[in-house]
Amino acid sequence: MKCYDCDLAERGDTTAIGVCSRCGLVVCRAHARVTQVLVHLQRGPGKSSGDRPARRVVCGTCYGAEHPN
């Protein structure tokens, strides 16, 4: 698959490396943002998140919407 943002900019056949977990857009390494998120578990009373954060891929647009400056 080709990266959506690279295709819009007519940059050729840039191979996508991931899918945005928010909007489903395919992105290449240059346009992907890898973030961390805590995984919440259903375990009843007590701690409800994992000890290590999980990785999550988002596109630049969704990353900007989640982290406004």
N, C-alpha and C. Protein backbone atom coordinates (compact mmCIF):
# COMPACT_ATOMS: atom_id res chain seq x y z
N MET A 1 0.83 -1.17 0.00
CA MET A 1 0.00 0.00 0.00
C MET A 1 0.88 1.23 0.00
N LYS A 2 0.34 2.31 -0.55
CA LYS A 2 1.05 3.58 -0.60
C LYS A 2 0.55 4.49 0.52
N CYS A 3 1.46 5.31 1.03
CA CYS A 3 1.11 6.30 2.05
C CYS A 3 0.14 7.32 1.45
N TYR A 4 -0.94 7.60 2.15
CA TYR A 4 -1.96 8.53 1.68
C TYR A 4 -1.39 9.95 1.52
N ASP A 5 -0.68 10.43 2.52
CA ASP A 5 -0.14 11.80 2.47
C ASP A 5 0.90 11.95 1.36
N CYS A 6 1.74 10.95 1.16
CA CYS A 6 2.72 11.00 0.07
C CYS A 6 2.03 10.96 -1.28
N ASP A 7 0.98 10.17 -1.39
CA ASP A 7 0.23 10.09 -2.64
C ASP A 7 -0.41 11.43 -2.97
N LEU A 8 -0.95 12.12 -1.98
CA LEU A 8 -1.54 13.44 -2.21
C LEU A 8 -0.50 14.44 -2.68
N ALA A 9 0.72 14.32 -2.16
CA ALA A 9 1.81 15.23 -2.54
C ALA A 9 2.51 14.77 -3.81
N GLU A 10 2.03 13.68 -4.42
CA GLU A 10 2.59 13.12 -5.66
C GLU A 10 4.07 12.80 -5.50
N ARG A 11 4.42 12.12 -4.41
CA ARG A 11 5.81 11.75 -4.14
C ARG A 11 6.15 10.35 -4.62
N GLY A 12 5.27 9.72 -5.33
CA GLY A 12 5.59 8.41 -5.86
C GLY A 12 5.05 7.28 -5.03
N ASP A 13 5.77 6.18 -5.04
CA ASP A 13 5.31 4.95 -4.39
C ASP A 13 5.95 4.76 -3.02
N THR A 14 5.63 5.61 -2.08
CA THR A 14 6.13 5.45 -0.72
C THR A 14 5.33 4.34 -0.04
N THR A 15 6.02 3.36 0.47
CA THR A 15 5.36 2.22 1.10
C THR A 15 4.86 2.58 2.48
N ALA A 16 3.63 2.24 2.76
CA ALA A 16 3.04 2.48 4.07
C ALA A 16 3.58 1.46 5.07
N ILE A 17 3.76 1.89 6.32
CA ILE A 17 4.26 1.00 7.37
C ILE A 17 3.23 0.74 8.45
N GLY A 18 2.13 1.50 8.43
CA GLY A 18 1.14 1.32 9.49
C GLY A 18 -0.19 1.95 9.14
N VAL A 19 -1.15 1.72 10.00
CA VAL A 19 -2.50 2.24 9.84
C VAL A 19 -2.83 3.09 11.07
N CYS A 20 -3.31 4.30 10.85
CA CYS A 20 -3.66 5.19 11.96
C CYS A 20 -4.76 4.53 12.80
N SER A 21 -4.54 4.46 14.10
CA SER A 21 -5.51 3.81 14.98
C SER A 21 -6.75 4.67 15.20
N ARG A 22 -6.73 5.94 14.80
CA ARG A 22 -7.88 6.82 14.97
C ARG A 22 -8.76 6.88 13.72
N CYS A 23 -8.14 7.12 12.56
CA CYS A 23 -8.94 7.34 11.34
C CYS A 23 -8.79 6.24 10.30
N GLY A 24 -7.82 5.34 10.45
CA GLY A 24 -7.65 4.23 9.53
C GLY A 24 -6.82 4.55 8.29
N LEU A 25 -6.22 5.71 8.22
CA LEU A 25 -5.38 6.11 7.09
C LEU A 25 -4.07 5.33 7.11
N VAL A 26 -3.57 4.92 5.94
CA VAL A 26 -2.26 4.25 5.90
C VAL A 26 -1.18 5.31 5.78
N VAL A 27 -0.09 5.12 6.53
CA VAL A 27 0.97 6.12 6.60
C VAL A 27 2.34 5.49 6.44
N CYS A 28 3.28 6.28 5.91
CA CYS A 28 4.67 5.84 5.79
C CYS A 28 5.43 6.23 7.05
N ARG A 29 6.69 5.91 7.09
CA ARG A 29 7.52 6.21 8.26
C ARG A 29 7.61 7.71 8.51
N ALA A 30 7.66 8.51 7.45
CA ALA A 30 7.78 9.97 7.61
C ALA A 30 6.50 10.60 8.16
N HIS A 31 5.36 10.04 7.85
CA HIS A 31 4.08 10.63 8.28
C HIS A 31 3.47 9.96 9.51
N ALA A 32 4.02 8.86 9.95
CA ALA A 32 3.49 8.16 11.13
C ALA A 32 4.03 8.78 12.41
N ARG A 33 3.23 8.77 13.42
CA ARG A 33 3.64 9.18 14.77
C ARG A 33 3.34 8.00 15.69
N VAL A 34 4.37 7.50 16.35
CA VAL A 34 4.19 6.38 17.27
C VAL A 34 4.09 6.97 18.67
N THR A 35 2.97 6.72 19.32
CA THR A 35 2.74 7.24 20.66
C THR A 35 2.59 6.07 21.63
N GLN A 36 2.54 6.38 22.89
CA GLN A 36 2.32 5.36 23.90
C GLN A 36 0.97 5.60 24.57
N VAL A 37 0.32 4.51 24.93
CA VAL A 37 -0.97 4.59 25.60
C VAL A 37 -1.02 3.49 26.66
N LEU A 38 -1.59 3.83 27.82
CA LEU A 38 -1.77 2.83 28.86
C LEU A 38 -2.94 1.93 28.50
N VAL A 39 -2.76 0.64 28.68
CA VAL A 39 -3.81 -0.33 28.41
C VAL A 39 -4.60 -0.55 29.70
N HIS A 40 -5.89 -0.32 29.64
CA HIS A 40 -6.75 -0.51 30.81
C HIS A 40 -7.34 -1.91 30.77
N LEU A 41 -7.26 -2.58 31.90
CA LEU A 41 -7.70 -3.96 32.00
C LEU A 41 -8.95 -4.05 32.87
N GLN A 42 -9.79 -5.01 32.59
CA GLN A 42 -10.98 -5.25 33.40
C GLN A 42 -10.65 -6.33 34.43
N ARG A 43 -10.26 -5.91 35.62
CA ARG A 43 -9.85 -6.87 36.65
C ARG A 43 -10.58 -6.69 37.97
N GLY A 44 -11.54 -5.83 38.05
CA GLY A 44 -12.22 -5.61 39.31
C GLY A 44 -11.52 -4.53 40.12
N PRO A 45 -11.61 -4.60 41.45
CA PRO A 45 -11.01 -3.56 42.28
C PRO A 45 -9.48 -3.62 42.22
N GLY A 46 -8.86 -2.47 42.43
CA GLY A 46 -7.41 -2.41 42.39
C GLY A 46 -6.91 -1.76 41.11
N LYS A 47 -5.65 -1.98 40.82
CA LYS A 47 -5.01 -1.40 39.65
C LYS A 47 -5.69 -1.88 38.37
N SER A 48 -5.97 -0.94 37.46
CA SER A 48 -6.68 -1.33 36.24
C SER A 48 -5.91 -1.01 34.97
N SER A 49 -4.61 -0.76 35.07
CA SER A 49 -3.82 -0.53 33.87
C SER A 49 -2.57 -1.39 33.91
N GLY A 50 -2.03 -1.67 32.73
CA GLY A 50 -0.83 -2.49 32.64
C GLY A 50 0.39 -1.74 33.16
N ASP A 51 1.47 -2.47 33.39
CA ASP A 51 2.70 -1.86 33.90
C ASP A 51 3.48 -1.13 32.81
N ARG A 52 3.35 -1.57 31.57
CA ARG A 52 4.06 -0.95 30.46
C ARG A 52 3.07 -0.35 29.47
N PRO A 53 3.38 0.82 28.92
CA PRO A 53 2.49 1.38 27.90
C PRO A 53 2.62 0.61 26.59
N ALA A 54 1.55 0.59 25.82
CA ALA A 54 1.55 -0.05 24.51
C ALA A 54 1.87 0.99 23.44
N ARG A 55 2.32 0.52 22.29
CA ARG A 55 2.56 1.43 21.16
C ARG A 55 1.28 1.63 20.38
N ARG A 56 1.17 2.81 19.76
CA ARG A 56 0.01 3.12 18.94
C ARG A 56 0.47 4.02 17.80
N VAL A 57 0.07 3.71 16.58
CA VAL A 57 0.43 4.51 15.41
C VAL A 57 -0.74 5.43 15.07
N VAL A 58 -0.43 6.70 14.87
CA VAL A 58 -1.43 7.67 14.41
C VAL A 58 -0.82 8.48 13.28
N CYS A 59 -1.69 9.02 12.41
CA CYS A 59 -1.22 9.89 11.33
C CYS A 59 -0.93 11.27 11.90
N GLY A 60 -0.29 12.13 11.12
CA GLY A 60 0.05 13.47 11.57
C GLY A 60 -1.16 14.32 11.90
N THR A 61 -2.24 14.17 11.16
CA THR A 61 -3.45 14.94 11.40
C THR A 61 -4.07 14.57 12.74
N CYS A 62 -4.22 13.28 13.01
CA CYS A 62 -4.80 12.84 14.28
C CYS A 62 -3.87 13.18 15.44
N TYR A 63 -2.56 13.07 15.25
CA TYR A 63 -1.62 13.44 16.30
C TYR A 63 -1.77 14.92 16.65
N GLY A 64 -1.89 15.77 15.64
CA GLY A 64 -2.08 17.20 15.86
C GLY A 64 -3.39 17.50 16.58
N ALA A 65 -4.44 16.74 16.28
CA ALA A 65 -5.72 16.95 16.95
C ALA A 65 -5.66 16.52 18.41
N GLU A 66 -4.87 15.49 18.70
CA GLU A 66 -4.75 15.00 20.07
C GLU A 66 -3.79 15.83 20.91
N HIS A 67 -2.84 16.48 20.28
CA HIS A 67 -1.80 17.25 20.99
C HIS A 67 -1.74 18.69 20.47
N PRO A 68 -2.80 19.47 20.67
CA PRO A 68 -2.77 20.86 20.17
C PRO A 68 -1.76 21.70 20.96
N ASN A 69 -1.10 22.60 20.26
CA ASN A 69 -0.13 23.49 20.94
C ASN A 69 -0.57 24.91 20.86
